[in-house]
Amino acid sequence: MFTHKSQSLLRPIFVILSLVVCSVCVSAERDESDVIPFESLSEQQQQVLEPLRNRWQSLPPERQKRLLKGAERWQNMSDEERAKVRDRMQRWKQLSPEQRQSMR
């Protein structure tokens, strides 16, 4: 069916595809094992991140870690600093998607 020349050309493609499939499988396993259970968060972290409780397990571990850092910063802010952040968040919500993209 295949000539020797076509087989030698297809072999590297099969090897690359195999590596890609294996790396995706390993990545999926690693990501799932790195997920941080919501119940393992401190009481204060759970309070800050409560709006995300239902989605928490589906978030990538990297995102969970960033959110935990943000929750820690929030806990350490004064009332005045929190008010400023809330104000900025409100202004951000009012921006159009184009305006948000241009600011990023």
PDB file of N, CA and C in Angstrom:
ATOM      1  N   MET A   1       0.820  -1.183   0.000  1.00  0.00           N
ATOM      2  CA  MET A   1       0.000   0.000   0.000  1.00  0.00           C
ATOM      3  C   MET A   1       0.872   1.258   0.000  1.00  0.00           C
ATOM      4  N   PHE A   2       1.791   1.378   0.975  1.00  0.00           N
ATOM      5  CA  PHE A   2       2.715   2.501   1.021  1.00  0.00           C
ATOM      6  C   PHE A   2       4.070   2.046   0.505  1.00  0.00           C
ATOM      7  N   THR A   3       4.723   2.904  -0.208  1.00  0.00           N
ATOM      8  CA  THR A   3       6.083   2.589  -0.639  1.00  0.00           C
ATOM      9  C   THR A   3       7.025   2.836   0.524  1.00  0.00           C
ATOM     10  N   HIS A   4       8.217   2.323   0.383  1.00  0.00           N
ATOM     11  CA  HIS A   4       9.216   2.518   1.443  1.00  0.00           C
ATOM     12  C   HIS A   4       9.481   4.006   1.661  1.00  0.00           C
ATOM     13  N   LYS A   5       9.520   4.766   0.580  1.00  0.00           N
ATOM     14  CA  LYS A   5       9.781   6.211   0.691  1.00  0.00           C
ATOM     15  C   LYS A   5       8.636   6.911   1.421  1.00  0.00           C
ATOM     16  N   SER A   6       7.384   6.588   1.104  1.00  0.00           N
ATOM     17  CA  SER A   6       6.267   7.248   1.786  1.00  0.00           C
ATOM     18  C   SER A   6       6.206   6.831   3.257  1.00  0.00           C
ATOM     19  N   GLN A   7       6.581   5.569   3.535  1.00  0.00           N
ATOM     20  CA  GLN A   7       6.601   5.126   4.938  1.00  0.00           C
ATOM     21  C   GLN A   7       7.641   5.915   5.730  1.00  0.00           C
ATOM     22  N   SER A   8       8.782   6.147   5.128  1.00  0.00           N
ATOM     23  CA  SER A   8       9.828   6.893   5.843  1.00  0.00           C
ATOM     24  C   SER A   8       9.429   8.350   6.039  1.00  0.00           C
ATOM     25  N   LEU A   9       8.593   8.890   5.160  1.00  0.00           N
ATOM     26  CA  LEU A   9       8.113  10.258   5.326  1.00  0.00           C
ATOM     27  C   LEU A   9       7.008  10.345   6.378  1.00  0.00           C
ATOM     28  N   LEU A  10       6.196   9.305   6.474  1.00  0.00           N
ATOM     29  CA  LEU A  10       5.089   9.307   7.425  1.00  0.00           C
ATOM     30  C   LEU A  10       5.534   9.003   8.858  1.00  0.00           C
ATOM     31  N   ARG A  11       6.613   8.276   9.015  1.00  0.00           N
ATOM     32  CA  ARG A  11       7.082   7.878  10.351  1.00  0.00           C
ATOM     33  C   ARG A  11       7.281   9.080  11.275  1.00  0.00           C
ATOM     34  N   PRO A  12       7.985  10.150  10.846  1.00  0.00           N
ATOM     35  CA  PRO A  12       8.152  11.307  11.747  1.00  0.00           C
ATOM     36  C   PRO A  12       6.818  11.958  12.113  1.00  0.00           C
ATOM     37  N   ILE A  13       5.871  11.965  11.175  1.00  0.00           N
ATOM     38  CA  ILE A  13       4.557  12.547  11.463  1.00  0.00           C
ATOM     39  C   ILE A  13       3.862  11.754  12.559  1.00  0.00           C
ATOM     40  N   PHE A  14       3.920  10.426  12.468  1.00  0.00           N
ATOM     41  CA  PHE A  14       3.303   9.590  13.499  1.00  0.00           C
ATOM     42  C   PHE A  14       3.980   9.777  14.854  1.00  0.00           C
ATOM     43  N   VAL A  15       5.281   9.921  14.844  1.00  0.00           N
ATOM     44  CA  VAL A  15       6.013  10.134  16.101  1.00  0.00           C
ATOM     45  C   VAL A  15       5.594  11.465  16.726  1.00  0.00           C
ATOM     46  N   ILE A  16       5.512  12.507  15.912  1.00  0.00           N
ATOM     47  CA  ILE A  16       5.122  13.825  16.423  1.00  0.00           C
ATOM     48  C   ILE A  16       3.700  13.783  16.966  1.00  0.00           C
ATOM     49  N   LEU A  17       2.788  13.163  16.218  1.00  0.00           N
ATOM     50  CA  LEU A  17       1.408  13.054  16.689  1.00  0.00           C
ATOM     51  C   LEU A  17       1.332  12.283  18.001  1.00  0.00           C
ATOM     52  N   SER A  18       2.104  11.226  18.114  1.00  0.00           N
ATOM     53  CA  SER A  18       2.119  10.442  19.357  1.00  0.00           C
ATOM     54  C   SER A  18       2.606  11.286  20.530  1.00  0.00           C
ATOM     55  N   LEU A  19       3.644  12.066  20.294  1.00  0.00           N
ATOM     56  CA  LEU A  19       4.165  12.926  21.358  1.00  0.00           C
ATOM     57  C   LEU A  19       3.152  13.983  21.767  1.00  0.00           C
ATOM     58  N   VAL A  20       2.463  14.536  20.792  1.00  0.00           N
ATOM     59  CA  VAL A  20       1.449  15.547  21.102  1.00  0.00           C
ATOM     60  C   VAL A  20       0.339  14.933  21.945  1.00  0.00           C
ATOM     61  N   VAL A  21      -0.147  13.777  21.547  1.00  0.00           N
ATOM     62  CA  VAL A  21      -1.215  13.106  22.292  1.00  0.00           C
ATOM     63  C   VAL A  21      -0.757  12.794  23.709  1.00  0.00           C
ATOM     64  N   CYS A  22       0.458  12.283  23.853  1.00  0.00           N
ATOM     65  CA  CYS A  22       0.980  11.960  25.192  1.00  0.00           C
ATOM     66  C   CYS A  22       1.126  13.212  26.046  1.00  0.00           C
ATOM     67  N   SER A  23       1.614  14.295  25.460  1.00  0.00           N
ATOM     68  CA  SER A  23       1.800  15.515  26.246  1.00  0.00           C
ATOM     69  C   SER A  23       0.462  16.091  26.684  1.00  0.00           C
ATOM     70  N   VAL A  24      -0.558  15.980  25.838  1.00  0.00           N
ATOM     71  CA  VAL A  24      -1.889  16.453  26.224  1.00  0.00           C
ATOM     72  C   VAL A  24      -2.421  15.622  27.378  1.00  0.00           C
ATOM     73  N   CYS A  25      -2.235  14.303  27.305  1.00  0.00           N
ATOM     74  CA  CYS A  25      -2.702  13.424  28.389  1.00  0.00           C
ATOM     75  C   CYS A  25      -1.989  13.737  29.698  1.00  0.00           C
ATOM     76  N   VAL A  26      -0.688  13.892  29.646  1.00  0.00           N
ATOM     77  CA  VAL A  26       0.090  14.190  30.851  1.00  0.00           C
ATOM     78  C   VAL A  26      -0.310  15.551  31.390  1.00  0.00           C
ATOM     79  N   SER A  27      -0.481  16.527  30.507  1.00  0.00           N
ATOM     80  CA  SER A  27      -0.877  17.864  30.931  1.00  0.00           C
ATOM     81  C   SER A  27      -2.238  17.847  31.611  1.00  0.00           C
ATOM     82  N   ALA A  28      -3.178  17.115  31.055  1.00  0.00           N
ATOM     83  CA  ALA A  28      -4.517  17.032  31.649  1.00  0.00           C
ATOM     84  C   ALA A  28      -4.453  16.383  33.016  1.00  0.00           C
ATOM     85  N   GLU A  29      -3.650  15.332  33.151  1.00  0.00           N
ATOM     86  CA  GLU A  29      -3.521  14.679  34.460  1.00  0.00           C
ATOM     87  C   GLU A  29      -2.874  15.619  35.462  1.00  0.00           C
ATOM     88  N   ARG A  30      -1.828  16.308  35.049  1.00  0.00           N
ATOM     89  CA  ARG A  30      -1.124  17.212  35.955  1.00  0.00           C
ATOM     90  C   ARG A  30      -2.037  18.346  36.406  1.00  0.00           C
ATOM     91  N   ASP A  31      -2.765  18.926  35.459  1.00  0.00           N
ATOM     92  CA  ASP A  31      -3.650  20.027  35.799  1.00  0.00           C
ATOM     93  C   ASP A  31      -4.704  19.593  36.803  1.00  0.00           C
ATOM     94  N   GLU A  32      -5.269  18.413  36.602  1.00  0.00           N
ATOM     95  CA  GLU A  32      -6.310  17.950  37.511  1.00  0.00           C
ATOM     96  C   GLU A  32      -5.748  17.709  38.908  1.00  0.00           C
ATOM     97  N   SER A  33      -4.527  17.204  38.987  1.00  0.00           N
ATOM     98  CA  SER A  33      -3.945  16.940  40.302  1.00  0.00           C
ATOM     99  C   SER A  33      -3.505  18.236  40.992  1.00  0.00           C
ATOM    100  N   ASP A  34      -3.306  19.298  40.209  1.00  0.00           N
ATOM    101  CA  ASP A  34      -2.888  20.582  40.771  1.00  0.00           C
ATOM    102  C   ASP A  34      -4.064  21.441  41.216  1.00  0.00           C
ATOM    103  N   VAL A  35      -5.290  21.008  40.888  1.00  0.00           N
ATOM    104  CA  VAL A  35      -6.471  21.783  41.258  1.00  0.00           C
ATOM    105  C   VAL A  35      -6.549  21.895  42.775  1.00  0.00           C
ATOM    106  N   ILE A  36      -6.860  23.080  43.250  1.00  0.00           N
ATOM    107  CA  ILE A  36      -6.941  23.330  44.692  1.00  0.00           C
ATOM    108  C   ILE A  36      -8.405  23.232  45.113  1.00  0.00           C
ATOM    109  N   PRO A  37      -8.754  22.269  45.953  1.00  0.00           N
ATOM    110  CA  PRO A  37     -10.160  22.155  46.391  1.00  0.00           C
ATOM    111  C   PRO A  37     -10.595  23.406  47.158  1.00  0.00           C
ATOM    112  N   PHE A  38     -11.786  23.899  46.847  1.00  0.00           N
ATOM    113  CA  PHE A  38     -12.303  25.099  47.505  1.00  0.00           C
ATOM    114  C   PHE A  38     -12.352  24.909  49.016  1.00  0.00           C
ATOM    115  N   GLU A  39     -12.695  23.699  49.439  1.00  0.00           N
ATOM    116  CA  GLU A  39     -12.821  23.413  50.876  1.00  0.00           C
ATOM    117  C   GLU A  39     -11.480  23.492  51.607  1.00  0.00           C
ATOM    118  N   SER A  40     -10.370  23.409  50.854  1.00  0.00           N
ATOM    119  CA  SER A  40      -9.055  23.487  51.499  1.00  0.00           C
ATOM    120  C   SER A  40      -8.605  24.928  51.737  1.00  0.00           C
ATOM    121  N   LEU A  41      -9.345  25.900  51.203  1.00  0.00           N
ATOM    122  CA  LEU A  41      -9.001  27.312  51.404  1.00  0.00           C
ATOM    123  C   LEU A  41      -9.340  27.725  52.829  1.00  0.00           C
ATOM    124  N   SER A  42      -8.634  28.732  53.300  1.00  0.00           N
ATOM    125  CA  SER A  42      -8.936  29.257  54.632  1.00  0.00           C
ATOM    126  C   SER A  42     -10.328  29.877  54.617  1.00  0.00           C
ATOM    127  N   GLU A  43     -10.890  30.088  55.796  1.00  0.00           N
ATOM    128  CA  GLU A  43     -12.215  30.689  55.900  1.00  0.00           C
ATOM    129  C   GLU A  43     -12.249  32.069  55.228  1.00  0.00           C
ATOM    130  N   GLN A  44     -11.184  32.853  55.445  1.00  0.00           N
ATOM    131  CA  GLN A  44     -11.129  34.189  54.852  1.00  0.00           C
ATOM    132  C   GLN A  44     -11.044  34.119  53.326  1.00  0.00           C
ATOM    133  N   GLN A  45     -10.235  33.181  52.805  1.00  0.00           N
ATOM    134  CA  GLN A  45     -10.134  33.024  51.355  1.00  0.00           C
ATOM    135  C   GLN A  45     -11.481  32.611  50.770  1.00  0.00           C
ATOM    136  N   GLN A  46     -12.171  31.702  51.463  1.00  0.00           N
ATOM    137  CA  GLN A  46     -13.478  31.263  50.987  1.00  0.00           C
ATOM    138  C   GLN A  46     -14.467  32.419  50.955  1.00  0.00           C
ATOM    139  N   GLN A  47     -14.415  33.290  51.951  1.00  0.00           N
ATOM    140  CA  GLN A  47     -15.320  34.444  51.976  1.00  0.00           C
ATOM    141  C   GLN A  47     -15.067  35.358  50.781  1.00  0.00           C
ATOM    142  N   VAL A  48     -13.802  35.647  50.509  1.00  0.00           N
ATOM    143  CA  VAL A  48     -13.459  36.549  49.414  1.00  0.00           C
ATOM    144  C   VAL A  48     -13.815  35.920  48.063  1.00  0.00           C
ATOM    145  N   LEU A  49     -13.587  34.622  47.948  1.00  0.00           N
ATOM    146  CA  LEU A  49     -13.777  33.935  46.668  1.00  0.00           C
ATOM    147  C   LEU A  49     -15.142  33.246  46.542  1.00  0.00           C
ATOM    148  N   GLU A  50     -16.043  33.492  47.473  1.00  0.00           N
ATOM    149  CA  GLU A  50     -17.375  32.867  47.467  1.00  0.00           C
ATOM    150  C   GLU A  50     -18.101  32.971  46.121  1.00  0.00           C
ATOM    151  N   PRO A  51     -18.047  34.114  45.433  1.00  0.00           N
ATOM    152  CA  PRO A  51     -18.746  34.193  44.143  1.00  0.00           C
ATOM    153  C   PRO A  51     -18.247  33.165  43.112  1.00  0.00           C
ATOM    154  N   LEU A  52     -17.064  32.623  43.330  1.00  0.00           N
ATOM    155  CA  LEU A  52     -16.491  31.658  42.383  1.00  0.00           C
ATOM    156  C   LEU A  52     -16.651  30.208  42.839  1.00  0.00           C
ATOM    157  N   ARG A  53     -17.293  29.991  43.968  1.00  0.00           N
ATOM    158  CA  ARG A  53     -17.383  28.644  44.552  1.00  0.00           C
ATOM    159  C   ARG A  53     -17.870  27.605  43.545  1.00  0.00           C
ATOM    160  N   ASN A  54     -18.944  27.894  42.817  1.00  0.00           N
ATOM    161  CA  ASN A  54     -19.522  26.910  41.904  1.00  0.00           C
ATOM    162  C   ASN A  54     -18.622  26.603  40.709  1.00  0.00           C
ATOM    163  N   ARG A  55     -17.774  27.550  40.338  1.00  0.00           N
ATOM    164  CA  ARG A  55     -16.884  27.357  39.182  1.00  0.00           C
ATOM    165  C   ARG A  55     -15.461  26.986  39.585  1.00  0.00           C
ATOM    166  N   TRP A  56     -15.151  27.050  40.864  1.00  0.00           N
ATOM    167  CA  TRP A  56     -13.776  26.933  41.341  1.00  0.00           C
ATOM    168  C   TRP A  56     -13.067  25.685  40.805  1.00  0.00           C
ATOM    169  N   GLN A  57     -13.694  24.533  40.903  1.00  0.00           N
ATOM    170  CA  GLN A  57     -13.047  23.283  40.497  1.00  0.00           C
ATOM    171  C   GLN A  57     -12.760  23.237  38.996  1.00  0.00           C
ATOM    172  N   SER A  58     -13.498  23.999  38.204  1.00  0.00           N
ATOM    173  CA  SER A  58     -13.287  23.979  36.757  1.00  0.00           C
ATOM    174  C   SER A  58     -12.227  24.989  36.306  1.00  0.00           C
ATOM    175  N   LEU A  59     -11.776  25.851  37.207  1.00  0.00           N
ATOM    176  CA  LEU A  59     -10.760  26.838  36.848  1.00  0.00           C
ATOM    177  C   LEU A  59      -9.394  26.165  36.750  1.00  0.00           C
ATOM    178  N   PRO A  60      -8.571  26.590  35.797  1.00  0.00           N
ATOM    179  CA  PRO A  60      -7.207  26.044  35.715  1.00  0.00           C
ATOM    180  C   PRO A  60      -6.433  26.370  36.993  1.00  0.00           C
ATOM    181  N   PRO A  61      -5.557  25.476  37.428  1.00  0.00           N
ATOM    182  CA  PRO A  61      -4.784  25.707  38.658  1.00  0.00           C
ATOM    183  C   PRO A  61      -4.032  27.035  38.674  1.00  0.00           C
ATOM    184  N   GLU A  62      -3.526  27.461  37.513  1.00  0.00           N
ATOM    185  CA  GLU A  62      -2.804  28.742  37.467  1.00  0.00           C
ATOM    186  C   GLU A  62      -3.739  29.891  37.813  1.00  0.00           C
ATOM    187  N   ARG A  63      -4.964  29.816  37.313  1.00  0.00           N
ATOM    188  CA  ARG A  63      -5.949  30.864  37.607  1.00  0.00           C
ATOM    189  C   ARG A  63      -6.329  30.830  39.084  1.00  0.00           C
ATOM    190  N   GLN A  64      -6.486  29.629  39.633  1.00  0.00           N
ATOM    191  CA  GLN A  64      -6.799  29.511  41.052  1.00  0.00           C
ATOM    192  C   GLN A  64      -5.706  30.170  41.895  1.00  0.00           C
ATOM    193  N   LYS A  65      -4.463  29.928  41.532  1.00  0.00           N
ATOM    194  CA  LYS A  65      -3.340  30.495  42.297  1.00  0.00           C
ATOM    195  C   LYS A  65      -3.332  32.021  42.204  1.00  0.00           C
ATOM    196  N   ARG A  66      -3.609  32.562  41.010  1.00  0.00           N
ATOM    197  CA  ARG A  66      -3.666  34.023  40.861  1.00  0.00           C
ATOM    198  C   ARG A  66      -4.800  34.599  41.701  1.00  0.00           C
ATOM    199  N   LEU A  67      -5.944  33.920  41.694  1.00  0.00           N
ATOM    200  CA  LEU A  67      -7.078  34.394  42.488  1.00  0.00           C
ATOM    201  C   LEU A  67      -6.771  34.333  43.981  1.00  0.00           C
ATOM    202  N   LEU A  68      -6.067  33.304  44.413  1.00  0.00           N
ATOM    203  CA  LEU A  68      -5.686  33.211  45.826  1.00  0.00           C
ATOM    204  C   LEU A  68      -4.758  34.359  46.223  1.00  0.00           C
ATOM    205  N   LYS A  69      -3.839  34.706  45.334  1.00  0.00           N
ATOM    206  CA  LYS A  69      -2.951  35.846  45.616  1.00  0.00           C
ATOM    207  C   LYS A  69      -3.762  37.135  45.709  1.00  0.00           C
ATOM    208  N   GLY A  70      -4.729  37.277  44.800  1.00  0.00           N
ATOM    209  CA  GLY A  70      -5.595  38.455  44.834  1.00  0.00           C
ATOM    210  C   GLY A  70      -6.418  38.512  46.105  1.00  0.00           C
ATOM    211  N   ALA A  71      -6.913  37.344  46.550  1.00  0.00           N
ATOM    212  CA  ALA A  71      -7.696  37.281  47.789  1.00  0.00           C
ATOM    213  C   ALA A  71      -6.824  37.679  48.979  1.00  0.00           C
ATOM    214  N   GLU A  72      -5.577  37.258  48.951  1.00  0.00           N
ATOM    215  CA  GLU A  72      -4.660  37.618  50.036  1.00  0.00           C
ATOM    216  C   GLU A  72      -4.407  39.128  50.051  1.00  0.00           C
ATOM    217  N   ARG A  73      -4.205  39.703  48.867  1.00  0.00           N
ATOM    218  CA  ARG A  73      -4.011  41.162  48.794  1.00  0.00           C
ATOM    219  C   ARG A  73      -5.253  41.881  49.303  1.00  0.00           C
ATOM    220  N   TRP A  74      -6.433  41.390  48.913  1.00  0.00           N
ATOM    221  CA  TRP A  74      -7.702  41.998  49.337  1.00  0.00           C
ATOM    222  C   TRP A  74      -7.812  41.997  50.858  1.00  0.00           C
ATOM    223  N   GLN A  75      -7.448  40.888  51.474  1.00  0.00           N
ATOM    224  CA  GLN A  75      -7.544  40.754  52.924  1.00  0.00           C
ATOM    225  C   GLN A  75      -6.621  41.743  53.633  1.00  0.00           C
ATOM    226  N   ASN A  76      -5.522  42.087  52.987  1.00  0.00           N
ATOM    227  CA  ASN A  76      -4.543  42.981  53.607  1.00  0.00           C
ATOM    228  C   ASN A  76      -4.813  44.459  53.312  1.00  0.00           C
ATOM    229  N   MET A  77      -5.845  44.758  52.517  1.00  0.00           N
ATOM    230  CA  MET A  77      -6.152  46.146  52.178  1.00  0.00           C
ATOM    231  C   MET A  77      -6.967  46.819  53.279  1.00  0.00           C
ATOM    232  N   SER A  78      -6.782  48.125  53.347  1.00  0.00           N
ATOM    233  CA  SER A  78      -7.616  48.922  54.256  1.00  0.00           C
ATOM    234  C   SER A  78      -8.983  49.115  53.601  1.00  0.00           C
ATOM    235  N   ASP A  79      -9.945  49.607  54.364  1.00  0.00           N
ATOM    236  CA  ASP A  79     -11.279  49.878  53.817  1.00  0.00           C
ATOM    237  C   ASP A  79     -11.205  50.889  52.672  1.00  0.00           C
ATOM    238  N   GLU A  80     -10.335  51.879  52.820  1.00  0.00           N
ATOM    239  CA  GLU A  80     -10.174  52.906  51.782  1.00  0.00           C
ATOM    240  C   GLU A  80      -9.620  52.292  50.491  1.00  0.00           C
ATOM    241  N   GLU A  81      -8.626  51.425  50.628  1.00  0.00           N
ATOM    242  CA  GLU A  81      -8.056  50.775  49.447  1.00  0.00           C
ATOM    243  C   GLU A  81      -9.096  49.882  48.759  1.00  0.00           C
ATOM    244  N   ARG A  82      -9.883  49.170  49.549  1.00  0.00           N
ATOM    245  CA  ARG A  82     -10.929  48.319  48.984  1.00  0.00           C
ATOM    246  C   ARG A  82     -11.964  49.155  48.231  1.00  0.00           C
ATOM    247  N   ALA A  83     -12.317  50.316  48.761  1.00  0.00           N
ATOM    248  CA  ALA A  83     -13.279  51.198  48.099  1.00  0.00           C
ATOM    249  C   ALA A  83     -12.737  51.659  46.747  1.00  0.00           C
ATOM    250  N   LYS A  84     -11.448  51.982  46.693  1.00  0.00           N
ATOM    251  CA  LYS A  84     -10.833  52.401  45.432  1.00  0.00           C
ATOM    252  C   LYS A  84     -10.874  51.263  44.409  1.00  0.00           C
ATOM    253  N   VAL A  85     -10.578  50.049  44.859  1.00  0.00           N
ATOM    254  CA  VAL A  85     -10.600  48.893  43.952  1.00  0.00           C
ATOM    255  C   VAL A  85     -12.014  48.651  43.441  1.00  0.00           C
ATOM    256  N   ARG A  86     -12.995  48.741  44.328  1.00  0.00           N
ATOM    257  CA  ARG A  86     -14.391  48.558  43.907  1.00  0.00           C
ATOM    258  C   ARG A  86     -14.781  49.595  42.856  1.00  0.00           C
ATOM    259  N   ASP A  87     -14.345  50.830  43.059  1.00  0.00           N
ATOM    260  CA  ASP A  87     -14.633  51.894  42.106  1.00  0.00           C
ATOM    261  C   ASP A  87     -14.003  51.585  40.749  1.00  0.00           C
ATOM    262  N   ARG A  88     -12.751  51.141  40.748  1.00  0.00           N
ATOM    263  CA  ARG A  88     -12.081  50.789  39.492  1.00  0.00           C
ATOM    264  C   ARG A  88     -12.783  49.627  38.802  1.00  0.00           C
ATOM    265  N   MET A  89     -13.223  48.660  39.587  1.00  0.00           N
ATOM    266  CA  MET A  89     -13.916  47.508  39.014  1.00  0.00           C
ATOM    267  C   MET A  89     -15.233  47.941  38.373  1.00  0.00           C
ATOM    268  N   GLN A  90     -15.942  48.852  39.010  1.00  0.00           N
ATOM    269  CA  GLN A  90     -17.201  49.364  38.448  1.00  0.00           C
ATOM    270  C   GLN A  90     -16.946  50.077  37.118  1.00  0.00           C
ATOM    271  N   ARG A  91     -15.897  50.902  37.094  1.00  0.00           N
ATOM    272  CA  ARG A  91     -15.572  51.617  35.859  1.00  0.00           C
ATOM    273  C   ARG A  91     -15.177  50.627  34.760  1.00  0.00           C
ATOM    274  N   TRP A  92     -14.457  49.562  35.126  1.00  0.00           N
ATOM    275  CA  TRP A  92     -14.037  48.540  34.166  1.00  0.00           C
ATOM    276  C   TRP A  92     -15.262  47.841  33.565  1.00  0.00           C
ATOM    277  N   LYS A  93     -16.237  47.527  34.401  1.00  0.00           N
ATOM    278  CA  LYS A  93     -17.450  46.857  33.933  1.00  0.00           C
ATOM    279  C   LYS A  93     -18.219  47.713  32.937  1.00  0.00           C
ATOM    280  N   GLN A  94     -18.114  49.023  33.073  1.00  0.00           N
ATOM    281  CA  GLN A  94     -18.859  49.933  32.209  1.00  0.00           C
ATOM    282  C   GLN A  94     -18.194  50.142  30.846  1.00  0.00           C
ATOM    283  N   LEU A  95     -16.948  49.696  30.709  1.00  0.00           N
ATOM    284  CA  LEU A  95     -16.245  49.848  29.440  1.00  0.00           C
ATOM    285  C   LEU A  95     -16.765  48.852  28.413  1.00  0.00           C
ATOM    286  N   SER A  96     -16.703  49.239  27.159  1.00  0.00           N
ATOM    287  CA  SER A  96     -17.062  48.313  26.084  1.00  0.00           C
ATOM    288  C   SER A  96     -15.930  47.293  25.922  1.00  0.00           C
ATOM    289  N   PRO A  97     -16.202  46.171  25.299  1.00  0.00           N
ATOM    290  CA  PRO A  97     -15.124  45.188  25.062  1.00  0.00           C
ATOM    291  C   PRO A  97     -13.940  45.782  24.298  1.00  0.00           C
ATOM    292  N   GLU A  98     -14.216  46.683  23.369  1.00  0.00           N
ATOM    293  CA  GLU A  98     -13.134  47.318  22.609  1.00  0.00           C
ATOM    294  C   GLU A  98     -12.269  48.187  23.508  1.00  0.00           C
ATOM    295  N   GLN A  99     -12.925  48.936  24.386  1.00  0.00           N
ATOM    296  CA  GLN A  99     -12.175  49.800  25.313  1.00  0.00           C
ATOM    297  C   GLN A  99     -11.326  48.957  26.253  1.00  0.00           C
ATOM    298  N   ARG A 100     -11.894  47.868  26.738  1.00  0.00           N
ATOM    299  CA  ARG A 100     -11.129  46.982  27.620  1.00  0.00           C
ATOM    300  C   ARG A 100      -9.907  46.422  26.908  1.00  0.00           C
ATOM    301  N   GLN A 101     -10.127  45.984  25.661  1.00  0.00           N
ATOM    302  CA  GLN A 101      -9.014  45.406  24.904  1.00  0.00           C
ATOM    303  C   GLN A 101      -7.909  46.417  24.673  1.00  0.00           C
ATOM    304  N   SER A 102      -8.285  47.645  24.377  1.00  0.00           N
ATOM    305  CA  SER A 102      -7.264  48.671  24.129  1.00  0.00           C
ATOM    306  C   SER A 102      -6.483  49.006  25.399  1.00  0.00           C
ATOM    307  N   MET A 103      -7.111  48.833  26.566  1.00  0.00           N
ATOM    308  CA  MET A 103      -6.435  49.135  27.827  1.00  0.00           C
ATOM    309  C   MET A 103      -5.494  48.011  28.258  1.00  0.00           C
ATOM    310  N   ARG A 104      -5.761  46.820  27.755  1.00  0.00           N
ATOM    311  CA  ARG A 104      -4.900  45.680  28.111  1.00  0.00           C
ATOM    312  C   ARG A 104      -3.598  45.834  27.393  1.00  0.00           C
TER     313      ARG A 104
END
